[in-house]
């Protein structure tokens, strides 16, 4: 990450002293959001939450019901690359199993 230079007070000889800002920003995190549809079974959603997002049975059931009743739910918070990769892999797995499950990512 490039450093930012900040000008300080001018010196007596006309030169300007600069100081580099070396602070590192915390990377942005992204939610993986699971969306409801009329075809993906609730059992499959629970299975995906347990296998791909490492949720317990109880957590997976609760999230599945949120997706079902509210239309969507945040199922995991990751760095951008990991969130996008998880969403892609889950949707690919769902298609292989004949399910139209949709996941998206959104900045925290």
PDB file of N, CA and C in Angstrom:
ATOM      1  N   UNK A   1       0.855  -1.171   0.000  1.00  0.00           N
ATOM      2  CA  UNK A   1       0.000   0.000   0.000  1.00  0.00           C
ATOM      3  C   UNK A   1       0.898   1.229   0.000  1.00  0.00           C
ATOM      4  N   UNK A   2       0.660   2.162  -0.919  1.00  0.00           N
ATOM      5  CA  UNK A   2       1.514   3.356  -0.968  1.00  0.00           C
ATOM      6  C   UNK A   2       1.343   4.192   0.289  1.00  0.00           C
ATOM      7  N   UNK A   3       2.450   4.824   0.652  1.00  0.00           N
ATOM      8  CA  UNK A   3       2.382   5.710   1.813  1.00  0.00           C
ATOM      9  C   UNK A   3       2.011   7.107   1.352  1.00  0.00           C
ATOM     10  N   UNK A   4       1.445   7.848   2.243  1.00  0.00           N
ATOM     11  CA  UNK A   4       0.997   9.198   1.952  1.00  0.00           C
ATOM     12  C   UNK A   4       1.992  10.164   2.593  1.00  0.00           C
ATOM     13  N   UNK A   5       2.409  11.164   1.836  1.00  0.00           N
ATOM     14  CA  UNK A   5       3.345  12.142   2.394  1.00  0.00           C
ATOM     15  C   UNK A   5       2.578  13.365   2.849  1.00  0.00           C
ATOM     16  N   UNK A   6       3.012  13.883   3.972  1.00  0.00           N
ATOM     17  CA  UNK A   6       2.348  15.044   4.554  1.00  0.00           C
ATOM     18  C   UNK A   6       3.401  16.127   4.766  1.00  0.00           C
ATOM     19  N   UNK A   7       3.124  17.312   4.261  1.00  0.00           N
ATOM     20  CA  UNK A   7       4.052  18.427   4.439  1.00  0.00           C
ATOM     21  C   UNK A   7       3.946  18.982   5.848  1.00  0.00           C
ATOM     22  N   UNK A   8       5.113  19.268   6.410  1.00  0.00           N
ATOM     23  CA  UNK A   8       5.173  19.890   7.735  1.00  0.00           C
ATOM     24  C   UNK A   8       5.648  21.322   7.573  1.00  0.00           C
ATOM     25  N   UNK A   9       6.099  21.939   8.634  1.00  0.00           N
ATOM     26  CA  UNK A   9       6.537  23.326   8.625  1.00  0.00           C
ATOM     27  C   UNK A   9       7.743  23.523   7.704  1.00  0.00           C
ATOM     28  N   UNK A  10       7.793  24.658   6.965  1.00  0.00           N
ATOM     29  CA  UNK A  10       8.971  24.940   6.144  1.00  0.00           C
ATOM     30  C   UNK A  10      10.201  25.189   7.031  1.00  0.00           C
ATOM     31  N   UNK A  11      11.341  24.746   6.537  1.00  0.00           N
ATOM     32  CA  UNK A  11      12.593  24.982   7.244  1.00  0.00           C
ATOM     33  C   UNK A  11      13.099  26.383   6.920  1.00  0.00           C
ATOM     34  N   UNK A  12      14.103  26.887   7.672  1.00  0.00           N
ATOM     35  CA  UNK A  12      14.640  28.231   7.466  1.00  0.00           C
ATOM     36  C   UNK A  12      15.218  28.419   6.068  1.00  0.00           C
ATOM     37  N   UNK A  13      15.769  27.368   5.472  1.00  0.00           N
ATOM     38  CA  UNK A  13      16.401  27.523   4.157  1.00  0.00           C
ATOM     39  C   UNK A  13      15.410  27.376   3.000  1.00  0.00           C
ATOM     40  N   UNK A  14      14.114  27.329   3.294  1.00  0.00           N
ATOM     41  CA  UNK A  14      13.103  27.273   2.242  1.00  0.00           C
ATOM     42  C   UNK A  14      12.649  25.863   1.904  1.00  0.00           C
ATOM     43  N   UNK A  15      13.356  24.856   2.358  1.00  0.00           N
ATOM     44  CA  UNK A  15      12.929  23.482   2.086  1.00  0.00           C
ATOM     45  C   UNK A  15      11.763  23.124   2.995  1.00  0.00           C
ATOM     46  N   UNK A  16      10.998  22.125   2.560  1.00  0.00           N
ATOM     47  CA  UNK A  16       9.858  21.664   3.347  1.00  0.00           C
ATOM     48  C   UNK A  16      10.160  20.252   3.834  1.00  0.00           C
ATOM     49  N   UNK A  17       9.986  20.053   5.102  1.00  0.00           N
ATOM     50  CA  UNK A  17      10.191  18.745   5.703  1.00  0.00           C
ATOM     51  C   UNK A  17       8.919  17.923   5.490  1.00  0.00           C
ATOM     52  N   UNK A  18       9.057  16.698   5.003  1.00  0.00           N
ATOM     53  CA  UNK A  18       7.885  15.843   4.817  1.00  0.00           C
ATOM     54  C   UNK A  18       7.991  14.621   5.707  1.00  0.00           C
ATOM     55  N   UNK A  19       6.838  14.138   6.089  1.00  0.00           N
ATOM     56  CA  UNK A  19       6.775  12.944   6.917  1.00  0.00           C
ATOM     57  C   UNK A  19       5.854  11.947   6.224  1.00  0.00           C
ATOM     58  N   UNK A  20       6.306  10.701   6.111  1.00  0.00           N
ATOM     59  CA  UNK A  20       5.475   9.680   5.483  1.00  0.00           C
ATOM     60  C   UNK A  20       4.485   9.126   6.492  1.00  0.00           C
ATOM     61  N   UNK A  21       3.249   8.983   6.040  1.00  0.00           N
ATOM     62  CA  UNK A  21       2.200   8.395   6.867  1.00  0.00           C
ATOM     63  C   UNK A  21       2.263   6.887   6.663  1.00  0.00           C
ATOM     64  N   UNK A  22       2.655   6.160   7.676  1.00  0.00           N
ATOM     65  CA  UNK A  22       2.868   4.717   7.538  1.00  0.00           C
ATOM     66  C   UNK A  22       1.742   3.891   8.150  1.00  0.00           C
ATOM     67  N   UNK A  23       0.644   4.529   8.468  1.00  0.00           N
ATOM     68  CA  UNK A  23      -0.489   3.780   9.020  1.00  0.00           C
ATOM     69  C   UNK A  23      -1.067   2.855   7.952  1.00  0.00           C
ATOM     70  N   UNK A  24      -1.470   1.679   8.373  1.00  0.00           N
ATOM     71  CA  UNK A  24      -2.059   0.702   7.455  1.00  0.00           C
ATOM     72  C   UNK A  24      -3.552   0.625   7.748  1.00  0.00           C
ATOM     73  N   UNK A  25      -4.348   0.732   6.680  1.00  0.00           N
ATOM     74  CA  UNK A  25      -5.797   0.639   6.836  1.00  0.00           C
ATOM     75  C   UNK A  25      -6.204  -0.816   7.036  1.00  0.00           C
ATOM     76  N   UNK A  26      -7.180  -1.019   7.879  1.00  0.00           N
ATOM     77  CA  UNK A  26      -7.742  -2.347   8.066  1.00  0.00           C
ATOM     78  C   UNK A  26      -8.546  -2.683   6.805  1.00  0.00           C
ATOM     79  N   UNK A  27      -8.347  -3.882   6.227  1.00  0.00           N
ATOM     80  CA  UNK A  27      -9.074  -4.213   5.000  1.00  0.00           C
ATOM     81  C   UNK A  27     -10.585  -4.287   5.246  1.00  0.00           C
ATOM     82  N   UNK A  28     -11.317  -3.887   4.241  1.00  0.00           N
ATOM     83  CA  UNK A  28     -12.770  -3.932   4.317  1.00  0.00           C
ATOM     84  C   UNK A  28     -13.237  -5.381   4.326  1.00  0.00           C
ATOM     85  N   UNK A  29     -14.304  -5.655   5.066  1.00  0.00           N
ATOM     86  CA  UNK A  29     -14.846  -7.006   5.080  1.00  0.00           C
ATOM     87  C   UNK A  29     -16.187  -7.017   4.353  1.00  0.00           C
ATOM     88  N   UNK A  30     -16.557  -8.202   3.880  1.00  0.00           N
ATOM     89  CA  UNK A  30     -17.756  -8.355   3.060  1.00  0.00           C
ATOM     90  C   UNK A  30     -18.653  -9.452   3.597  1.00  0.00           C
ATOM     91  N   UNK A  31     -19.945  -9.171   3.602  1.00  0.00           N
ATOM     92  CA  UNK A  31     -20.942 -10.168   3.979  1.00  0.00           C
ATOM     93  C   UNK A  31     -21.228 -11.073   2.796  1.00  0.00           C
ATOM     94  N   UNK A  32     -21.412 -12.350   3.060  1.00  0.00           N
ATOM     95  CA  UNK A  32     -21.988 -13.263   2.081  1.00  0.00           C
ATOM     96  C   UNK A  32     -23.467 -13.327   2.438  1.00  0.00           C
ATOM     97  N   UNK A  33     -24.316 -13.030   1.460  1.00  0.00           N
ATOM     98  CA  UNK A  33     -25.761 -12.968   1.686  1.00  0.00           C
ATOM     99  C   UNK A  33     -26.432 -14.083   0.902  1.00  0.00           C
ATOM    100  N   UNK A  34     -27.237 -14.882   1.593  1.00  0.00           N
ATOM    101  CA  UNK A  34     -27.989 -15.962   0.957  1.00  0.00           C
ATOM    102  C   UNK A  34     -29.409 -15.468   0.711  1.00  0.00           C
ATOM    103  N   UNK A  35     -29.909 -15.716  -0.508  1.00  0.00           N
ATOM    104  CA  UNK A  35     -31.236 -15.241  -0.904  1.00  0.00           C
ATOM    105  C   UNK A  35     -32.226 -16.394  -1.007  1.00  0.00           C
ATOM    106  N   UNK A  36     -33.463 -16.110  -0.678  1.00  0.00           N
ATOM    107  CA  UNK A  36     -34.530 -17.107  -0.755  1.00  0.00           C
ATOM    108  C   UNK A  36     -34.962 -17.319  -2.202  1.00  0.00           C
ATOM    109  N   UNK A  37     -35.389 -18.529  -2.500  1.00  0.00           N
ATOM    110  CA  UNK A  37     -36.026 -18.824  -3.787  1.00  0.00           C
ATOM    111  C   UNK A  37     -37.099 -19.871  -3.530  1.00  0.00           C
ATOM    112  N   UNK A  38     -37.898 -20.154  -4.542  1.00  0.00           N
ATOM    113  CA  UNK A  38     -39.026 -21.075  -4.363  1.00  0.00           C
ATOM    114  C   UNK A  38     -38.675 -22.535  -4.623  1.00  0.00           C
ATOM    115  N   UNK A  39     -37.410 -22.838  -4.937  1.00  0.00           N
ATOM    116  CA  UNK A  39     -37.064 -24.196  -5.342  1.00  0.00           C
ATOM    117  C   UNK A  39     -36.020 -24.883  -4.466  1.00  0.00           C
ATOM    118  N   UNK A  40     -35.059 -24.138  -3.939  1.00  0.00           N
ATOM    119  CA  UNK A  40     -34.010 -24.738  -3.116  1.00  0.00           C
ATOM    120  C   UNK A  40     -34.628 -25.243  -1.814  1.00  0.00           C
ATOM    121  N   UNK A  41     -34.357 -26.502  -1.493  1.00  0.00           N
ATOM    122  CA  UNK A  41     -34.964 -27.084  -0.299  1.00  0.00           C
ATOM    123  C   UNK A  41     -34.307 -26.540   0.968  1.00  0.00           C
ATOM    124  N   UNK A  42     -35.070 -26.529   2.032  1.00  0.00           N
ATOM    125  CA  UNK A  42     -34.556 -26.061   3.314  1.00  0.00           C
ATOM    126  C   UNK A  42     -33.439 -26.980   3.805  1.00  0.00           C
ATOM    127  N   UNK A  43     -33.567 -28.272   3.568  1.00  0.00           N
ATOM    128  CA  UNK A  43     -32.518 -29.213   3.965  1.00  0.00           C
ATOM    129  C   UNK A  43     -31.203 -28.911   3.243  1.00  0.00           C
ATOM    130  N   UNK A  44     -31.295 -28.552   1.961  1.00  0.00           N
ATOM    131  CA  UNK A  44     -30.093 -28.237   1.196  1.00  0.00           C
ATOM    132  C   UNK A  44     -29.437 -26.967   1.740  1.00  0.00           C
ATOM    133  N   UNK A  45     -30.233 -25.971   2.083  1.00  0.00           N
ATOM    134  CA  UNK A  45     -29.705 -24.721   2.648  1.00  0.00           C
ATOM    135  C   UNK A  45     -28.974 -25.010   3.962  1.00  0.00           C
ATOM    136  N   UNK A  46     -29.567 -25.815   4.820  1.00  0.00           N
ATOM    137  CA  UNK A  46     -28.926 -26.179   6.087  1.00  0.00           C
ATOM    138  C   UNK A  46     -27.610 -26.912   5.810  1.00  0.00           C
ATOM    139  N   UNK A  47     -27.640 -27.845   4.870  1.00  0.00           N
ATOM    140  CA  UNK A  47     -26.433 -28.588   4.500  1.00  0.00           C
ATOM    141  C   UNK A  47     -25.322 -27.642   4.045  1.00  0.00           C
ATOM    142  N   UNK A  48     -25.650 -26.694   3.182  1.00  0.00           N
ATOM    143  CA  UNK A  48     -24.669 -25.728   2.676  1.00  0.00           C
ATOM    144  C   UNK A  48     -24.098 -24.892   3.817  1.00  0.00           C
ATOM    145  N   UNK A  49     -24.953 -24.430   4.705  1.00  0.00           N
ATOM    146  CA  UNK A  49     -24.492 -23.604   5.829  1.00  0.00           C
ATOM    147  C   UNK A  49     -23.547 -24.382   6.741  1.00  0.00           C
ATOM    148  N   UNK A  50     -23.809 -25.658   6.929  1.00  0.00           N
ATOM    149  CA  UNK A  50     -22.937 -26.485   7.758  1.00  0.00           C
ATOM    150  C   UNK A  50     -21.616 -26.795   7.047  1.00  0.00           C
ATOM    151  N   UNK A  51     -21.684 -27.136   5.774  1.00  0.00           N
ATOM    152  CA  UNK A  51     -20.496 -27.578   5.041  1.00  0.00           C
ATOM    153  C   UNK A  51     -19.588 -26.435   4.596  1.00  0.00           C
ATOM    154  N   UNK A  52     -20.156 -25.368   4.086  1.00  0.00           N
ATOM    155  CA  UNK A  52     -19.348 -24.283   3.527  1.00  0.00           C
ATOM    156  C   UNK A  52     -19.074 -23.152   4.515  1.00  0.00           C
ATOM    157  N   UNK A  53     -19.994 -22.955   5.458  1.00  0.00           N
ATOM    158  CA  UNK A  53     -19.849 -21.837   6.392  1.00  0.00           C
ATOM    159  C   UNK A  53     -19.587 -22.298   7.822  1.00  0.00           C
ATOM    160  N   UNK A  54     -19.450 -23.620   8.000  1.00  0.00           N
ATOM    161  CA  UNK A  54     -19.076 -24.228   9.283  1.00  0.00           C
ATOM    162  C   UNK A  54     -20.003 -23.819  10.432  1.00  0.00           C
ATOM    163  N   UNK A  55     -21.293 -23.763  10.129  1.00  0.00           N
ATOM    164  CA  UNK A  55     -22.296 -23.447  11.152  1.00  0.00           C
ATOM    165  C   UNK A  55     -22.704 -24.732  11.870  1.00  0.00           C
ATOM    166  N   UNK A  56     -23.090 -24.608  13.118  1.00  0.00           N
ATOM    167  CA  UNK A  56     -23.640 -25.751  13.844  1.00  0.00           C
ATOM    168  C   UNK A  56     -25.039 -26.026  13.292  1.00  0.00           C
ATOM    169  N   UNK A  57     -25.599 -27.160  13.657  1.00  0.00           N
ATOM    170  CA  UNK A  57     -26.950 -27.482  13.206  1.00  0.00           C
ATOM    171  C   UNK A  57     -27.963 -26.426  13.618  1.00  0.00           C
ATOM    172  N   UNK A  58     -27.857 -25.973  14.861  1.00  0.00           N
ATOM    173  CA  UNK A  58     -28.794 -24.958  15.366  1.00  0.00           C
ATOM    174  C   UNK A  58     -28.615 -23.618  14.647  1.00  0.00           C
ATOM    175  N   UNK A  59     -27.363 -23.214  14.436  1.00  0.00           N
ATOM    176  CA  UNK A  59     -27.100 -21.954  13.718  1.00  0.00           C
ATOM    177  C   UNK A  59     -27.615 -22.042  12.286  1.00  0.00           C
ATOM    178  N   UNK A  60     -27.381 -23.182  11.650  1.00  0.00           N
ATOM    179  CA  UNK A  60     -27.811 -23.365  10.264  1.00  0.00           C
ATOM    180  C   UNK A  60     -29.333 -23.317  10.159  1.00  0.00           C
ATOM    181  N   UNK A  61     -30.029 -23.953  11.097  1.00  0.00           N
ATOM    182  CA  UNK A  61     -31.498 -23.927  11.101  1.00  0.00           C
ATOM    183  C   UNK A  61     -32.017 -22.497  11.261  1.00  0.00           C
ATOM    184  N   UNK A  62     -31.422 -21.763  12.194  1.00  0.00           N
ATOM    185  CA  UNK A  62     -31.845 -20.381  12.447  1.00  0.00           C
ATOM    186  C   UNK A  62     -31.626 -19.514  11.198  1.00  0.00           C
ATOM    187  N   UNK A  63     -30.450 -19.630  10.573  1.00  0.00           N
ATOM    188  CA  UNK A  63     -30.173 -18.839   9.365  1.00  0.00           C
ATOM    189  C   UNK A  63     -31.088 -19.241   8.216  1.00  0.00           C
ATOM    190  N   UNK A  64     -31.343 -20.539   8.073  1.00  0.00           N
ATOM    191  CA  UNK A  64     -32.242 -21.015   7.014  1.00  0.00           C
ATOM    192  C   UNK A  64     -33.626 -20.403   7.190  1.00  0.00           C
ATOM    193  N   UNK A  65     -34.115 -20.335   8.417  1.00  0.00           N
ATOM    194  CA  UNK A  65     -35.436 -19.743   8.662  1.00  0.00           C
ATOM    195  C   UNK A  65     -35.431 -18.237   8.380  1.00  0.00           C
ATOM    196  N   UNK A  66     -34.321 -17.562   8.676  1.00  0.00           N
ATOM    197  CA  UNK A  66     -34.218 -16.133   8.352  1.00  0.00           C
ATOM    198  C   UNK A  66     -34.299 -15.937   6.841  1.00  0.00           C
ATOM    199  N   UNK A  67     -33.575 -16.774   6.103  1.00  0.00           N
ATOM    200  CA  UNK A  67     -33.614 -16.689   4.634  1.00  0.00           C
ATOM    201  C   UNK A  67     -35.040 -16.933   4.159  1.00  0.00           C
ATOM    202  N   UNK A  68     -35.674 -17.961   4.695  1.00  0.00           N
ATOM    203  CA  UNK A  68     -37.026 -18.340   4.282  1.00  0.00           C
ATOM    204  C   UNK A  68     -38.058 -17.261   4.600  1.00  0.00           C
ATOM    205  N   UNK A  69     -37.986 -16.698   5.801  1.00  0.00           N
ATOM    206  CA  UNK A  69     -39.012 -15.752   6.239  1.00  0.00           C
ATOM    207  C   UNK A  69     -38.735 -14.307   5.831  1.00  0.00           C
ATOM    208  N   UNK A  70     -37.459 -13.917   5.806  1.00  0.00           N
ATOM    209  CA  UNK A  70     -37.113 -12.527   5.511  1.00  0.00           C
ATOM    210  C   UNK A  70     -36.632 -12.316   4.080  1.00  0.00           C
ATOM    211  N   UNK A  71     -36.419 -13.398   3.348  1.00  0.00           N
ATOM    212  CA  UNK A  71     -36.000 -13.279   1.955  1.00  0.00           C
ATOM    213  C   UNK A  71     -34.498 -13.328   1.757  1.00  0.00           C
ATOM    214  N   UNK A  72     -33.737 -13.079   2.820  1.00  0.00           N
ATOM    215  CA  UNK A  72     -32.279 -13.157   2.730  1.00  0.00           C
ATOM    216  C   UNK A  72     -31.697 -13.091   4.133  1.00  0.00           C
ATOM    217  N   UNK A  73     -30.412 -13.506   4.228  1.00  0.00           N
ATOM    218  CA  UNK A  73     -29.723 -13.432   5.522  1.00  0.00           C
ATOM    219  C   UNK A  73     -28.228 -13.362   5.287  1.00  0.00           C
ATOM    220  N   UNK A  74     -27.541 -12.637   6.155  1.00  0.00           N
ATOM    221  CA  UNK A  74     -26.078 -12.600   6.136  1.00  0.00           C
ATOM    222  C   UNK A  74     -25.595 -13.903   6.768  1.00  0.00           C
ATOM    223  N   UNK A  75     -24.782 -14.659   6.019  1.00  0.00           N
ATOM    224  CA  UNK A  75     -24.362 -15.970   6.523  1.00  0.00           C
ATOM    225  C   UNK A  75     -22.882 -16.047   6.864  1.00  0.00           C
ATOM    226  N   UNK A  76     -22.102 -15.034   6.502  1.00  0.00           N
ATOM    227  CA  UNK A  76     -20.691 -15.026   6.849  1.00  0.00           C
ATOM    228  C   UNK A  76     -20.053 -13.690   6.511  1.00  0.00           C
ATOM    229  N   UNK A  77     -18.999 -13.341   7.247  1.00  0.00           N
ATOM    230  CA  UNK A  77     -18.280 -12.082   7.059  1.00  0.00           C
ATOM    231  C   UNK A  77     -16.810 -12.400   6.831  1.00  0.00           C
ATOM    232  N   UNK A  78     -16.290 -11.999   5.660  1.00  0.00           N
ATOM    233  CA  UNK A  78     -14.939 -12.381   5.247  1.00  0.00           C
ATOM    234  C   UNK A  78     -14.264 -11.235   4.505  1.00  0.00           C
ATOM    235  N   UNK A  79     -12.994 -11.435   4.187  1.00  0.00           N
ATOM    236  CA  UNK A  79     -12.327 -10.498   3.285  1.00  0.00           C
ATOM    237  C   UNK A  79     -13.013 -10.615   1.924  1.00  0.00           C
ATOM    238  N   UNK A  80     -12.820  -9.631   1.066  1.00  0.00           N
ATOM    239  CA  UNK A  80     -13.522  -9.593  -0.224  1.00  0.00           C
ATOM    240  C   UNK A  80     -13.283 -10.847  -1.048  1.00  0.00           C
ATOM    241  N   UNK A  81     -12.039 -11.258  -1.196  1.00  0.00           N
ATOM    242  CA  UNK A  81     -11.722 -12.423  -2.029  1.00  0.00           C
ATOM    243  C   UNK A  81     -12.361 -13.695  -1.485  1.00  0.00           C
ATOM    244  N   UNK A  82     -12.303 -13.877  -0.183  1.00  0.00           N
ATOM    245  CA  UNK A  82     -12.871 -15.086   0.407  1.00  0.00           C
ATOM    246  C   UNK A  82     -14.386 -15.075   0.280  1.00  0.00           C
ATOM    247  N   UNK A  83     -15.017 -13.942   0.526  1.00  0.00           N
ATOM    248  CA  UNK A  83     -16.477 -13.845   0.407  1.00  0.00           C
ATOM    249  C   UNK A  83     -16.932 -14.165  -1.010  1.00  0.00           C
ATOM    250  N   UNK A  84     -16.270 -13.581  -2.003  1.00  0.00           N
ATOM    251  CA  UNK A  84     -16.652 -13.830  -3.397  1.00  0.00           C
ATOM    252  C   UNK A  84     -16.402 -15.278  -3.794  1.00  0.00           C
ATOM    253  N   UNK A  85     -15.306 -15.853  -3.312  1.00  0.00           N
ATOM    254  CA  UNK A  85     -14.990 -17.245  -3.628  1.00  0.00           C
ATOM    255  C   UNK A  85     -16.009 -18.186  -3.002  1.00  0.00           C
ATOM    256  N   UNK A  86     -16.360 -17.940  -1.744  1.00  0.00           N
ATOM    257  CA  UNK A  86     -17.363 -18.793  -1.083  1.00  0.00           C
ATOM    258  C   UNK A  86     -18.701 -18.712  -1.817  1.00  0.00           C
ATOM    259  N   UNK A  87     -19.132 -17.517  -2.144  1.00  0.00           N
ATOM    260  CA  UNK A  87     -20.406 -17.353  -2.858  1.00  0.00           C
ATOM    261  C   UNK A  87     -20.376 -18.111  -4.181  1.00  0.00           C
ATOM    262  N   UNK A  88     -19.289 -17.987  -4.907  1.00  0.00           N
ATOM    263  CA  UNK A  88     -19.155 -18.664  -6.202  1.00  0.00           C
ATOM    264  C   UNK A  88     -19.186 -20.186  -6.030  1.00  0.00           C
ATOM    265  N   UNK A  89     -18.407 -20.715  -5.077  1.00  0.00           N
ATOM    266  CA  UNK A  89     -18.342 -22.160  -4.874  1.00  0.00           C
ATOM    267  C   UNK A  89     -19.677 -22.737  -4.438  1.00  0.00           C
ATOM    268  N   UNK A  90     -20.386 -22.019  -3.563  1.00  0.00           N
ATOM    269  CA  UNK A  90     -21.686 -22.507  -3.102  1.00  0.00           C
ATOM    270  C   UNK A  90     -22.682 -22.527  -4.257  1.00  0.00           C
ATOM    271  N   UNK A  91     -22.714 -21.475  -5.067  1.00  0.00           N
ATOM    272  CA  UNK A  91     -23.657 -21.451  -6.191  1.00  0.00           C
ATOM    273  C   UNK A  91     -23.305 -22.530  -7.215  1.00  0.00           C
ATOM    274  N   UNK A  92     -22.030 -22.769  -7.434  1.00  0.00           N
ATOM    275  CA  UNK A  92     -21.600 -23.830  -8.332  1.00  0.00           C
ATOM    276  C   UNK A  92     -22.053 -25.194  -7.792  1.00  0.00           C
ATOM    277  N   UNK A  93     -21.857 -25.428  -6.513  1.00  0.00           N
ATOM    278  CA  UNK A  93     -22.277 -26.665  -5.859  1.00  0.00           C
ATOM    279  C   UNK A  93     -23.798 -26.823  -5.953  1.00  0.00           C
ATOM    280  N   UNK A  94     -24.528 -25.737  -5.734  1.00  0.00           N
ATOM    281  CA  UNK A  94     -25.989 -25.777  -5.818  1.00  0.00           C
ATOM    282  C   UNK A  94     -26.437 -26.164  -7.230  1.00  0.00           C
ATOM    283  N   UNK A  95     -25.816 -25.584  -8.248  1.00  0.00           N
ATOM    284  CA  UNK A  95     -26.184 -25.916  -9.642  1.00  0.00           C
ATOM    285  C   UNK A  95     -25.920 -27.393  -9.935  1.00  0.00           C
ATOM    286  N   UNK A  96     -24.796 -27.910  -9.416  1.00  0.00           N
ATOM    287  CA  UNK A  96     -24.470 -29.329  -9.608  1.00  0.00           C
ATOM    288  C   UNK A  96     -25.529 -30.222  -8.974  1.00  0.00           C
ATOM    289  N   UNK A  97     -26.223 -29.707  -7.977  1.00  0.00           N
ATOM    290  CA  UNK A  97     -27.257 -30.463  -7.275  1.00  0.00           C
ATOM    291  C   UNK A  97     -28.668 -30.032  -7.681  1.00  0.00           C
ATOM    292  N   UNK A  98     -28.782 -29.300  -8.778  1.00  0.00           N
ATOM    293  CA  UNK A  98     -30.082 -28.915  -9.316  1.00  0.00           C
ATOM    294  C   UNK A  98     -30.825 -27.856  -8.518  1.00  0.00           C
ATOM    295  N   UNK A  99     -30.092 -27.042  -7.758  1.00  0.00           N
ATOM    296  CA  UNK A  99     -30.716 -25.992  -6.939  1.00  0.00           C
ATOM    297  C   UNK A  99     -30.324 -24.615  -7.459  1.00  0.00           C
ATOM    298  N   UNK A 100     -31.271 -23.679  -7.535  1.00  0.00           N
ATOM    299  CA  UNK A 100     -30.966 -22.326  -8.028  1.00  0.00           C
ATOM    300  C   UNK A 100     -30.534 -21.349  -6.932  1.00  0.00           C
ATOM    301  N   UNK A 101     -29.953 -21.842  -5.865  1.00  0.00           N
ATOM    302  CA  UNK A 101     -29.562 -21.005  -4.730  1.00  0.00           C
ATOM    303  C   UNK A 101     -28.698 -19.827  -5.184  1.00  0.00           C
ATOM    304  N   UNK A 102     -29.000 -18.643  -4.664  1.00  0.00           N
ATOM    305  CA  UNK A 102     -28.268 -17.431  -5.032  1.00  0.00           C
ATOM    306  C   UNK A 102     -27.613 -16.824  -3.794  1.00  0.00           C
ATOM    307  N   UNK A 103     -26.334 -16.483  -3.941  1.00  0.00           N
ATOM    308  CA  UNK A 103     -25.610 -15.774  -2.899  1.00  0.00           C
ATOM    309  C   UNK A 103     -24.968 -14.543  -3.517  1.00  0.00           C
ATOM    310  N   UNK A 104     -24.915 -13.474  -2.744  1.00  0.00           N
ATOM    311  CA  UNK A 104     -24.244 -12.256  -3.186  1.00  0.00           C
ATOM    312  C   UNK A 104     -23.291 -11.816  -2.078  1.00  0.00           C
ATOM    313  N   UNK A 105     -22.463 -10.810  -2.391  1.00  0.00           N
ATOM    314  CA  UNK A 105     -21.594 -10.244  -1.372  1.00  0.00           C
ATOM    315  C   UNK A 105     -21.865  -8.746  -1.286  1.00  0.00           C
ATOM    316  N   UNK A 106     -21.621  -8.200  -0.095  1.00  0.00           N
ATOM    317  CA  UNK A 106     -21.854  -6.768   0.124  1.00  0.00           C
ATOM    318  C   UNK A 106     -20.880  -6.281   1.196  1.00  0.00           C
ATOM    319  N   UNK A 107     -20.302  -5.122   0.976  1.00  0.00           N
ATOM    320  CA  UNK A 107     -19.369  -4.548   1.938  1.00  0.00           C
ATOM    321  C   UNK A 107     -20.061  -4.337   3.276  1.00  0.00           C
ATOM    322  N   UNK A 108     -19.298  -4.568   4.337  1.00  0.00           N
ATOM    323  CA  UNK A 108     -19.806  -4.431   5.707  1.00  0.00           C
ATOM    324  C   UNK A 108     -20.243  -3.012   5.973  1.00  0.00           C
TER     325      UNK A 108
END
